[in-house]
Each structure stands twice: as C-alpha cells, then as structure tokens.
C-alpha cells in the first residue's frame, strides 16, 4: 500500500496514495476515487431480443395449460393433484 507507483484495480481505494494539488484542508474529508486508467470491461450483449423470451414464456405456459385441459377432460385422467404437482415441478 505504501508504493504510489503500484498498479491499482478498478475498485481499490487510492485516495491516500494520490498527491493532490491545491491547499490541504483538514476539515474536508478525502473521498476515495476510482482508478480512471483501468479500462471498463464490456458486458457481452445477448443475441436474442427480450421479446423472444416473453413470447417463448407465453407459448410454453399456454401449451402446459392446454395439455392439462386435454389430459383432464379428453384423456379422462382423474388425478388432478398429480397434474398440479407436475406443473409446480416444471415451473
């Protein structure tokens, strides 16, 4: 910490190591600064539009509802609690 020439990471406090120009006033606190020399990393952009995820969610949810309707009415599956637990397990 005592070496002012050492390379700092982006989040490391370095206010004590920087020599500041101007009058030093003991009444004002010295706030930590972020190292401006560190390059910001780019967050990789998603290739899919968020609307794709919403449409996929709606489609899958609707298909589960229609499957439940089919299995309870058309297929005469009378174990509703099993169907309910399966839906909770899938979501």
PDB file of N, CA and C in Angstrom:
ATOM      1  N   UNK A   1       0.811  -1.194   0.000  1.00  0.00           N
ATOM      2  CA  UNK A   1       0.000   0.000   0.000  1.00  0.00           C
ATOM      3  C   UNK A   1       0.852   1.254   0.000  1.00  0.00           C
ATOM      4  N   UNK A   2       2.091   1.156   0.431  1.00  0.00           N
ATOM      5  CA  UNK A   2       2.903   2.349   0.550  1.00  0.00           C
ATOM      6  C   UNK A   2       3.499   2.814  -0.769  1.00  0.00           C
ATOM      7  N   UNK A   3       3.483   1.977  -1.802  1.00  0.00           N
ATOM      8  CA  UNK A   3       4.112   2.332  -3.072  1.00  0.00           C
ATOM      9  C   UNK A   3       3.108   3.057  -3.970  1.00  0.00           C
ATOM     10  N   UNK A   4       3.277   4.378  -4.228  1.00  0.00           N
ATOM     11  CA  UNK A   4       2.310   5.106  -5.053  1.00  0.00           C
ATOM     12  C   UNK A   4       2.356   4.721  -6.522  1.00  0.00           C
ATOM     13  N   UNK A   5       3.397   4.042  -6.964  1.00  0.00           N
ATOM     14  CA  UNK A   5       3.540   3.684  -8.369  1.00  0.00           C
ATOM     15  C   UNK A   5       2.881   2.349  -8.699  1.00  0.00           C
ATOM     16  N   UNK A   6       2.351   1.638  -7.695  1.00  0.00           N
ATOM     17  CA  UNK A   6       1.792   0.314  -7.942  1.00  0.00           C
ATOM     18  C   UNK A   6       0.494   0.425  -8.745  1.00  0.00           C
ATOM     19  N   UNK A   7       0.219  -0.595  -9.529  1.00  0.00           N
ATOM     20  CA  UNK A   7      -0.992  -0.601 -10.341  1.00  0.00           C
ATOM     21  C   UNK A   7      -2.181  -0.963  -9.462  1.00  0.00           C
ATOM     22  N   UNK A   8      -3.259  -0.200  -9.575  1.00  0.00           N
ATOM     23  CA  UNK A   8      -4.445  -0.417  -8.774  1.00  0.00           C
ATOM     24  C   UNK A   8      -5.525  -1.074  -9.610  1.00  0.00           C
ATOM     25  N   UNK A   9      -6.337  -1.871  -8.946  1.00  0.00           N
ATOM     26  CA  UNK A   9      -7.504  -2.406  -9.628  1.00  0.00           C
ATOM     27  C   UNK A   9      -8.579  -1.327  -9.648  1.00  0.00           C
ATOM     28  N   UNK A  10      -9.649  -1.593 -10.375  1.00  0.00           N
ATOM     29  CA  UNK A  10     -10.690  -0.583 -10.555  1.00  0.00           C
ATOM     30  C   UNK A  10     -11.363  -0.207  -9.239  1.00  0.00           C
ATOM     31  N   UNK A  11     -11.591  -1.157  -8.360  1.00  0.00           N
ATOM     32  CA  UNK A  11     -12.360  -0.914  -7.147  1.00  0.00           C
ATOM     33  C   UNK A  11     -11.482  -0.589  -5.936  1.00  0.00           C
ATOM     34  N   UNK A  12     -10.195  -0.579  -6.093  1.00  0.00           N
ATOM     35  CA  UNK A  12      -9.311  -0.364  -4.954  1.00  0.00           C
ATOM     36  C   UNK A  12      -9.239   1.112  -4.593  1.00  0.00           C
ATOM     37  N   UNK A  13      -9.290   1.389  -3.302  1.00  0.00           N
ATOM     38  CA  UNK A  13      -9.193   2.773  -2.843  1.00  0.00           C
ATOM     39  C   UNK A  13      -7.771   3.265  -3.043  1.00  0.00           C
ATOM     40  N   UNK A  14      -7.650   4.472  -3.551  1.00  0.00           N
ATOM     41  CA  UNK A  14      -6.319   5.001  -3.789  1.00  0.00           C
ATOM     42  C   UNK A  14      -6.221   6.478  -3.428  1.00  0.00           C
ATOM     43  N   UNK A  15      -7.139   6.966  -2.613  1.00  0.00           N
ATOM     44  CA  UNK A  15      -7.123   8.382  -2.285  1.00  0.00           C
ATOM     45  C   UNK A  15      -5.925   8.758  -1.428  1.00  0.00           C
ATOM     46  N   UNK A  16      -5.450   7.841  -0.608  1.00  0.00           N
ATOM     47  CA  UNK A  16      -4.322   8.156   0.260  1.00  0.00           C
ATOM     48  C   UNK A  16      -3.000   8.169  -0.512  1.00  0.00           C
ATOM     49  N   UNK A  17      -2.966   7.474  -1.649  1.00  0.00           N
ATOM     50  CA  UNK A  17      -1.726   7.366  -2.394  1.00  0.00           C
ATOM     51  C   UNK A  17      -1.544   8.472  -3.432  1.00  0.00           C
ATOM     52  N   UNK A  18      -2.587   9.232  -3.719  1.00  0.00           N
ATOM     53  CA  UNK A  18      -2.505  10.267  -4.744  1.00  0.00           C
ATOM     54  C   UNK A  18      -2.068  11.578  -4.094  1.00  0.00           C
ATOM     55  N   UNK A  19      -1.116  12.217  -4.719  1.00  0.00           N
ATOM     56  CA  UNK A  19      -0.702  13.537  -4.263  1.00  0.00           C
ATOM     57  C   UNK A  19      -1.603  14.543  -4.968  1.00  0.00           C
ATOM     58  N   UNK A  20      -2.316  15.328  -4.200  1.00  0.00           N
ATOM     59  CA  UNK A  20      -3.291  16.258  -4.754  1.00  0.00           C
ATOM     60  C   UNK A  20      -2.706  17.664  -4.773  1.00  0.00           C
ATOM     61  N   UNK A  21      -3.053  18.388  -5.844  1.00  0.00           N
ATOM     62  CA  UNK A  21      -2.645  19.781  -5.946  1.00  0.00           C
ATOM     63  C   UNK A  21      -3.620  20.645  -5.163  1.00  0.00           C
ATOM     64  N   UNK A  22      -3.163  21.767  -4.698  1.00  0.00           N
ATOM     65  CA  UNK A  22      -4.045  22.697  -4.001  1.00  0.00           C
ATOM     66  C   UNK A  22      -3.847  22.611  -2.494  1.00  0.00           C
ATOM     67  N   UNK A  23      -4.507  23.513  -1.801  1.00  0.00           N
ATOM     68  CA  UNK A  23      -4.340  23.538  -0.348  1.00  0.00           C
ATOM     69  C   UNK A  23      -5.037  22.352   0.311  1.00  0.00           C
ATOM     70  N   UNK A  24      -4.369  21.775   1.258  1.00  0.00           N
ATOM     71  CA  UNK A  24      -4.948  20.668   2.020  1.00  0.00           C
ATOM     72  C   UNK A  24      -5.691  21.244   3.215  1.00  0.00           C
ATOM     73  N   UNK A  25      -6.961  20.976   3.283  1.00  0.00           N
ATOM     74  CA  UNK A  25      -7.747  21.455   4.420  1.00  0.00           C
ATOM     75  C   UNK A  25      -8.125  20.260   5.275  1.00  0.00           C
ATOM     76  N   UNK A  26      -7.772  20.271   6.535  1.00  0.00           N
ATOM     77  CA  UNK A  26      -8.074  19.121   7.388  1.00  0.00           C
ATOM     78  C   UNK A  26      -9.553  18.999   7.726  1.00  0.00           C
ATOM     79  N   UNK A  27     -10.354  20.025   7.449  1.00  0.00           N
ATOM     80  CA  UNK A  27     -11.772  19.941   7.790  1.00  0.00           C
ATOM     81  C   UNK A  27     -12.570  19.178   6.745  1.00  0.00           C
ATOM     82  N   UNK A  28     -12.088  19.122   5.499  1.00  0.00           N
ATOM     83  CA  UNK A  28     -12.805  18.400   4.450  1.00  0.00           C
ATOM     84  C   UNK A  28     -12.281  16.974   4.355  1.00  0.00           C
ATOM     85  N   UNK A  29     -13.173  15.995   4.313  1.00  0.00           N
ATOM     86  CA  UNK A  29     -12.696  14.611   4.195  1.00  0.00           C
ATOM     87  C   UNK A  29     -12.208  14.324   2.776  1.00  0.00           C
ATOM     88  N   UNK A  30     -11.274  13.415   2.686  1.00  0.00           N
ATOM     89  CA  UNK A  30     -10.763  12.985   1.387  1.00  0.00           C
ATOM     90  C   UNK A  30     -11.532  11.741   0.994  1.00  0.00           C
ATOM     91  N   UNK A  31     -12.254  11.814  -0.115  1.00  0.00           N
ATOM     92  CA  UNK A  31     -13.068  10.695  -0.565  1.00  0.00           C
ATOM     93  C   UNK A  31     -12.254   9.776  -1.464  1.00  0.00           C
ATOM     94  N   UNK A  32     -12.537   8.482  -1.433  1.00  0.00           N
ATOM     95  CA  UNK A  32     -11.824   7.564  -2.316  1.00  0.00           C
ATOM     96  C   UNK A  32     -12.217   7.802  -3.773  1.00  0.00           C
ATOM     97  N   UNK A  33     -11.308   7.577  -4.662  1.00  0.00           N
ATOM     98  CA  UNK A  33     -11.574   7.748  -6.086  1.00  0.00           C
ATOM     99  C   UNK A  33     -11.395   6.417  -6.799  1.00  0.00           C
ATOM    100  N   UNK A  34     -11.974   6.309  -7.963  1.00  0.00           N
ATOM    101  CA  UNK A  34     -11.835   5.120  -8.793  1.00  0.00           C
ATOM    102  C   UNK A  34     -10.698   5.372  -9.770  1.00  0.00           C
ATOM    103  N   UNK A  35      -9.905   4.359 -10.010  1.00  0.00           N
ATOM    104  CA  UNK A  35      -8.767   4.500 -10.906  1.00  0.00           C
ATOM    105  C   UNK A  35      -9.270   4.716 -12.332  1.00  0.00           C
ATOM    106  N   UNK A  36      -9.059   5.900 -12.922  1.00  0.00           N
ATOM    107  CA  UNK A  36      -9.562   6.164 -14.275  1.00  0.00           C
ATOM    108  C   UNK A  36      -8.749   5.477 -15.366  1.00  0.00           C
ATOM    109  N   UNK A  37      -7.587   4.937 -15.030  1.00  0.00           N
ATOM    110  CA  UNK A  37      -6.731   4.324 -16.043  1.00  0.00           C
ATOM    111  C   UNK A  37      -7.156   2.902 -16.384  1.00  0.00           C
ATOM    112  N   UNK A  38      -7.992   2.308 -15.552  1.00  0.00           N
ATOM    113  CA  UNK A  38      -8.452   0.940 -15.802  1.00  0.00           C
ATOM    114  C   UNK A  38      -9.553   0.987 -16.854  1.00  0.00           C
ATOM    115  N   UNK A  39      -9.423   0.116 -17.864  1.00  0.00           N
ATOM    116  CA  UNK A  39     -10.447   0.062 -18.902  1.00  0.00           C
ATOM    117  C   UNK A  39     -11.657  -0.704 -18.389  1.00  0.00           C
ATOM    118  N   UNK A  40     -12.837  -0.222 -18.722  1.00  0.00           N
ATOM    119  CA  UNK A  40     -14.070  -0.898 -18.338  1.00  0.00           C
ATOM    120  C   UNK A  40     -14.278  -2.096 -19.253  1.00  0.00           C
ATOM    121  N   UNK A  41     -14.666  -3.213 -18.647  1.00  0.00           N
ATOM    122  CA  UNK A  41     -14.939  -4.403 -19.444  1.00  0.00           C
ATOM    123  C   UNK A  41     -16.327  -4.302 -20.056  1.00  0.00           C
ATOM    124  N   UNK A  42     -16.431  -4.703 -21.287  1.00  0.00           N
ATOM    125  CA  UNK A  42     -17.716  -4.700 -21.982  1.00  0.00           C
ATOM    126  C   UNK A  42     -18.526  -5.915 -21.543  1.00  0.00           C
ATOM    127  N   UNK A  43     -19.789  -5.686 -21.262  1.00  0.00           N
ATOM    128  CA  UNK A  43     -20.696  -6.781 -20.947  1.00  0.00           C
ATOM    129  C   UNK A  43     -21.149  -7.382 -22.263  1.00  0.00           C
ATOM    130  N   UNK A  44     -21.015  -8.704 -22.424  1.00  0.00           N
ATOM    131  CA  UNK A  44     -21.415  -9.295 -23.704  1.00  0.00           C
ATOM    132  C   UNK A  44     -22.919  -9.116 -23.920  1.00  0.00           C
ATOM    133  N   UNK A  45     -23.252  -8.630 -25.082  1.00  0.00           N
ATOM    134  CA  UNK A  45     -24.656  -8.390 -25.419  1.00  0.00           C
ATOM    135  C   UNK A  45     -25.328  -9.700 -25.798  1.00  0.00           C
ATOM    136  N   UNK A  46     -26.582  -9.825 -25.416  1.00  0.00           N
ATOM    137  CA  UNK A  46     -27.352 -11.013 -25.767  1.00  0.00           C
ATOM    138  C   UNK A  46     -27.747 -10.921 -27.241  1.00  0.00           C
ATOM    139  N   UNK A  47     -27.729 -12.053 -27.894  1.00  0.00           N
ATOM    140  CA  UNK A  47     -28.092 -12.080 -29.316  1.00  0.00           C
ATOM    141  C   UNK A  47     -29.595 -12.093 -29.525  1.00  0.00           C
ATOM    142  N   UNK A  48     -30.344 -12.434 -28.485  1.00  0.00           N
ATOM    143  CA  UNK A  48     -31.796 -12.544 -28.616  1.00  0.00           C
ATOM    144  C   UNK A  48     -32.477 -11.335 -28.001  1.00  0.00           C
ATOM    145  N   UNK A  49     -33.507 -10.878 -28.667  1.00  0.00           N
ATOM    146  CA  UNK A  49     -34.289  -9.749 -28.175  1.00  0.00           C
ATOM    147  C   UNK A  49     -35.117 -10.201 -26.971  1.00  0.00           C
ATOM    148  N   UNK A  50     -35.311  -9.337 -25.965  1.00  0.00           N
ATOM    149  CA  UNK A  50     -36.109  -9.728 -24.791  1.00  0.00           C
ATOM    150  C   UNK A  50     -37.534 -10.170 -25.133  1.00  0.00           C
ATOM    151  N   UNK A  51     -38.083  -9.652 -26.217  1.00  0.00           N
ATOM    152  CA  UNK A  51     -39.429 -10.062 -26.618  1.00  0.00           C
ATOM    153  C   UNK A  51     -39.466 -11.555 -26.957  1.00  0.00           C
ATOM    154  N   UNK A  52     -38.360 -12.095 -27.434  1.00  0.00           N
ATOM    155  CA  UNK A  52     -38.296 -13.530 -27.730  1.00  0.00           C
ATOM    156  C   UNK A  52     -38.533 -14.352 -26.470  1.00  0.00           C
ATOM    157  N   UNK A  53     -37.920 -13.925 -25.348  1.00  0.00           N
ATOM    158  CA  UNK A  53     -38.094 -14.642 -24.089  1.00  0.00           C
ATOM    159  C   UNK A  53     -39.539 -14.547 -23.595  1.00  0.00           C
ATOM    160  N   UNK A  54     -40.142 -13.391 -23.749  1.00  0.00           N
ATOM    161  CA  UNK A  54     -41.535 -13.201 -23.312  1.00  0.00           C
ATOM    162  C   UNK A  54     -42.471 -14.072 -24.147  1.00  0.00           C
ATOM    163  N   UNK A  55     -42.295 -14.067 -25.457  1.00  0.00           N
ATOM    164  CA  UNK A  55     -43.145 -14.868 -26.340  1.00  0.00           C
ATOM    165  C   UNK A  55     -42.939 -16.354 -26.071  1.00  0.00           C
ATOM    166  N   UNK A  56     -41.710 -16.764 -25.831  1.00  0.00           N
ATOM    167  CA  UNK A  56     -41.435 -18.167 -25.512  1.00  0.00           C
ATOM    168  C   UNK A  56     -42.113 -18.570 -24.211  1.00  0.00           C
ATOM    169  N   UNK A  57     -42.023 -17.709 -23.203  1.00  0.00           N
ATOM    170  CA  UNK A  57     -42.663 -18.000 -21.912  1.00  0.00           C
ATOM    171  C   UNK A  57     -44.181 -18.130 -22.073  1.00  0.00           C
ATOM    172  N   UNK A  58     -44.797 -17.212 -22.798  1.00  0.00           N
ATOM    173  CA  UNK A  58     -46.246 -17.260 -23.007  1.00  0.00           C
ATOM    174  C   UNK A  58     -46.634 -18.525 -23.768  1.00  0.00           C
ATOM    175  N   UNK A  59     -45.867 -18.879 -24.781  1.00  0.00           N
ATOM    176  CA  UNK A  59     -46.165 -20.069 -25.576  1.00  0.00           C
ATOM    177  C   UNK A  59     -46.062 -21.332 -24.736  1.00  0.00           C
ATOM    178  N   UNK A  60     -44.989 -21.457 -23.968  1.00  0.00           N
ATOM    179  CA  UNK A  60     -44.812 -22.656 -23.143  1.00  0.00           C
ATOM    180  C   UNK A  60     -45.872 -22.735 -22.048  1.00  0.00           C
ATOM    181  N   UNK A  61     -46.200 -21.608 -21.453  1.00  0.00           N
ATOM    182  CA  UNK A  61     -47.226 -21.589 -20.413  1.00  0.00           C
ATOM    183  C   UNK A  61     -48.581 -21.973 -20.983  1.00  0.00           C
ATOM    184  N   UNK A  62     -48.898 -21.447 -22.149  1.00  0.00           N
ATOM    185  CA  UNK A  62     -50.168 -21.788 -22.791  1.00  0.00           C
ATOM    186  C   UNK A  62     -50.214 -23.259 -23.174  1.00  0.00           C
ATOM    187  N   UNK A  63     -49.096 -23.796 -23.633  1.00  0.00           N
ATOM    188  CA  UNK A  63     -49.077 -25.210 -24.007  1.00  0.00           C
ATOM    189  C   UNK A  63     -49.282 -26.111 -22.791  1.00  0.00           C
ATOM    190  N   UNK A  64     -48.747 -25.733 -21.640  1.00  0.00           N
ATOM    191  CA  UNK A  64     -48.983 -26.511 -20.420  1.00  0.00           C
ATOM    192  C   UNK A  64     -50.450 -26.449 -20.032  1.00  0.00           C
ATOM    193  N   UNK A  65     -51.064 -25.286 -20.143  1.00  0.00           N
ATOM    194  CA  UNK A  65     -52.487 -25.142 -19.816  1.00  0.00           C
ATOM    195  C   UNK A  65     -53.341 -26.001 -20.742  1.00  0.00           C
ATOM    196  N   UNK A  66     -53.054 -25.953 -22.043  1.00  0.00           N
ATOM    197  CA  UNK A  66     -53.826 -26.755 -22.998  1.00  0.00           C
ATOM    198  C   UNK A  66     -53.591 -28.249 -22.796  1.00  0.00           C
ATOM    199  N   UNK A  67     -52.366 -28.630 -22.462  1.00  0.00           N
ATOM    200  CA  UNK A  67     -52.084 -30.039 -22.189  1.00  0.00           C
ATOM    201  C   UNK A  67     -52.852 -30.511 -20.955  1.00  0.00           C
ATOM    202  N   UNK A  68     -52.898 -29.675 -19.927  1.00  0.00           N
ATOM    203  CA  UNK A  68     -53.660 -30.023 -18.730  1.00  0.00           C
ATOM    204  C   UNK A  68     -55.147 -30.171 -19.049  1.00  0.00           C
ATOM    205  N   UNK A  69     -55.666 -29.288 -19.872  1.00  0.00           N
ATOM    206  CA  UNK A  69     -57.077 -29.369 -20.284  1.00  0.00           C
ATOM    207  C   UNK A  69     -57.323 -30.673 -21.025  1.00  0.00           C
ATOM    208  N   UNK A  70     -56.418 -31.024 -21.914  1.00  0.00           N
ATOM    209  CA  UNK A  70     -56.570 -32.261 -22.677  1.00  0.00           C
ATOM    210  C   UNK A  70     -56.487 -33.485 -21.769  1.00  0.00           C
ATOM    211  N   UNK A  71     -55.497 -33.496 -20.879  1.00  0.00           N
ATOM    212  CA  UNK A  71     -55.286 -34.684 -20.045  1.00  0.00           C
ATOM    213  C   UNK A  71     -56.417 -34.875 -19.033  1.00  0.00           C
ATOM    214  N   UNK A  72     -57.018 -33.780 -18.562  1.00  0.00           N
ATOM    215  CA  UNK A  72     -58.094 -33.909 -17.574  1.00  0.00           C
ATOM    216  C   UNK A  72     -59.444 -34.209 -18.213  1.00  0.00           C
ATOM    217  N   UNK A  73     -59.724 -33.629 -19.379  1.00  0.00           N
ATOM    218  CA  UNK A  73     -61.043 -33.816 -19.994  1.00  0.00           C
ATOM    219  C   UNK A  73     -61.063 -34.928 -21.048  1.00  0.00           C
ATOM    220  N   UNK A  74     -60.201 -34.818 -22.013  1.00  0.00           N
ATOM    221  CA  UNK A  74     -60.240 -35.760 -23.139  1.00  0.00           C
ATOM    222  C   UNK A  74     -59.688 -37.129 -22.758  1.00  0.00           C
ATOM    223  N   UNK A  75     -58.570 -37.154 -22.058  1.00  0.00           N
ATOM    224  CA  UNK A  75     -57.935 -38.424 -21.708  1.00  0.00           C
ATOM    225  C   UNK A  75     -58.528 -39.039 -20.445  1.00  0.00           C
ATOM    226  N   UNK A  76     -59.434 -38.322 -19.780  1.00  0.00           N
ATOM    227  CA  UNK A  76     -60.115 -38.792 -18.569  1.00  0.00           C
ATOM    228  C   UNK A  76     -59.131 -39.187 -17.464  1.00  0.00           C
ATOM    229  N   UNK A  77     -58.100 -38.363 -17.289  1.00  0.00           N
ATOM    230  CA  UNK A  77     -57.122 -38.564 -16.209  1.00  0.00           C
ATOM    231  C   UNK A  77     -57.684 -37.876 -14.968  1.00  0.00           C
ATOM    232  N   UNK A  78     -58.042 -38.653 -13.944  1.00  0.00           N
ATOM    233  CA  UNK A  78     -58.772 -38.114 -12.798  1.00  0.00           C
ATOM    234  C   UNK A  78     -57.886 -37.825 -11.586  1.00  0.00           C
ATOM    235  N   UNK A  79     -56.602 -37.685 -11.772  1.00  0.00           N
ATOM    236  CA  UNK A  79     -55.691 -37.420 -10.654  1.00  0.00           C
ATOM    237  C   UNK A  79     -55.190 -35.975 -10.760  1.00  0.00           C
ATOM    238  N   UNK A  80     -56.054 -35.066 -10.380  1.00  0.00           N
ATOM    239  CA  UNK A  80     -55.745 -33.639 -10.529  1.00  0.00           C
ATOM    240  C   UNK A  80     -54.552 -33.207  -9.682  1.00  0.00           C
ATOM    241  N   UNK A  81     -54.378 -33.793  -8.506  1.00  0.00           N
ATOM    242  CA  UNK A  81     -53.270 -33.398  -7.637  1.00  0.00           C
ATOM    243  C   UNK A  81     -51.923 -33.731  -8.291  1.00  0.00           C
ATOM    244  N   UNK A  82     -51.853 -34.861  -8.975  1.00  0.00           N
ATOM    245  CA  UNK A  82     -50.627 -35.207  -9.698  1.00  0.00           C
ATOM    246  C   UNK A  82     -50.326 -34.177 -10.785  1.00  0.00           C
ATOM    247  N   UNK A  83     -51.355 -33.752 -11.497  1.00  0.00           N
ATOM    248  CA  UNK A  83     -51.187 -32.748 -12.558  1.00  0.00           C
ATOM    249  C   UNK A  83     -50.727 -31.418 -11.967  1.00  0.00           C
ATOM    250  N   UNK A  84     -51.318 -31.043 -10.850  1.00  0.00           N
ATOM    251  CA  UNK A  84     -50.937 -29.791 -10.180  1.00  0.00           C
ATOM    252  C   UNK A  84     -49.480 -29.836  -9.724  1.00  0.00           C
ATOM    253  N   UNK A  85     -49.063 -30.946  -9.136  1.00  0.00           N
ATOM    254  CA  UNK A  85     -47.681 -31.085  -8.660  1.00  0.00           C
ATOM    255  C   UNK A  85     -46.704 -31.091  -9.841  1.00  0.00           C
ATOM    256  N   UNK A  86     -47.111 -31.672 -10.952  1.00  0.00           N
ATOM    257  CA  UNK A  86     -46.235 -31.671 -12.124  1.00  0.00           C
ATOM    258  C   UNK A  86     -46.033 -30.235 -12.635  1.00  0.00           C
ATOM    259  N   UNK A  87     -47.080 -29.447 -12.620  1.00  0.00           N
ATOM    260  CA  UNK A  87     -46.969 -28.053 -13.061  1.00  0.00           C
ATOM    261  C   UNK A  87     -46.048 -27.263 -12.136  1.00  0.00           C
ATOM    262  N   UNK A  88     -46.152 -27.502 -10.842  1.00  0.00           N
ATOM    263  CA  UNK A  88     -45.266 -26.814  -9.896  1.00  0.00           C
ATOM    264  C   UNK A  88     -43.824 -27.252 -10.093  1.00  0.00           C
ATOM    265  N   UNK A  89     -43.631 -28.513 -10.389  1.00  0.00           N
ATOM    266  CA  UNK A  89     -42.275 -29.014 -10.603  1.00  0.00           C
ATOM    267  C   UNK A  89     -41.655 -28.420 -11.876  1.00  0.00           C
ATOM    268  N   UNK A  90     -42.448 -28.219 -12.909  1.00  0.00           N
ATOM    269  CA  UNK A  90     -41.939 -27.687 -14.169  1.00  0.00           C
ATOM    270  C   UNK A  90     -41.688 -26.170 -14.129  1.00  0.00           C
ATOM    271  N   UNK A  91     -42.352 -25.479 -13.242  1.00  0.00           N
ATOM    272  CA  UNK A  91     -42.190 -24.020 -13.242  1.00  0.00           C
ATOM    273  C   UNK A  91     -41.104 -23.533 -12.343  1.00  0.00           C
TER     274      UNK A  91
END
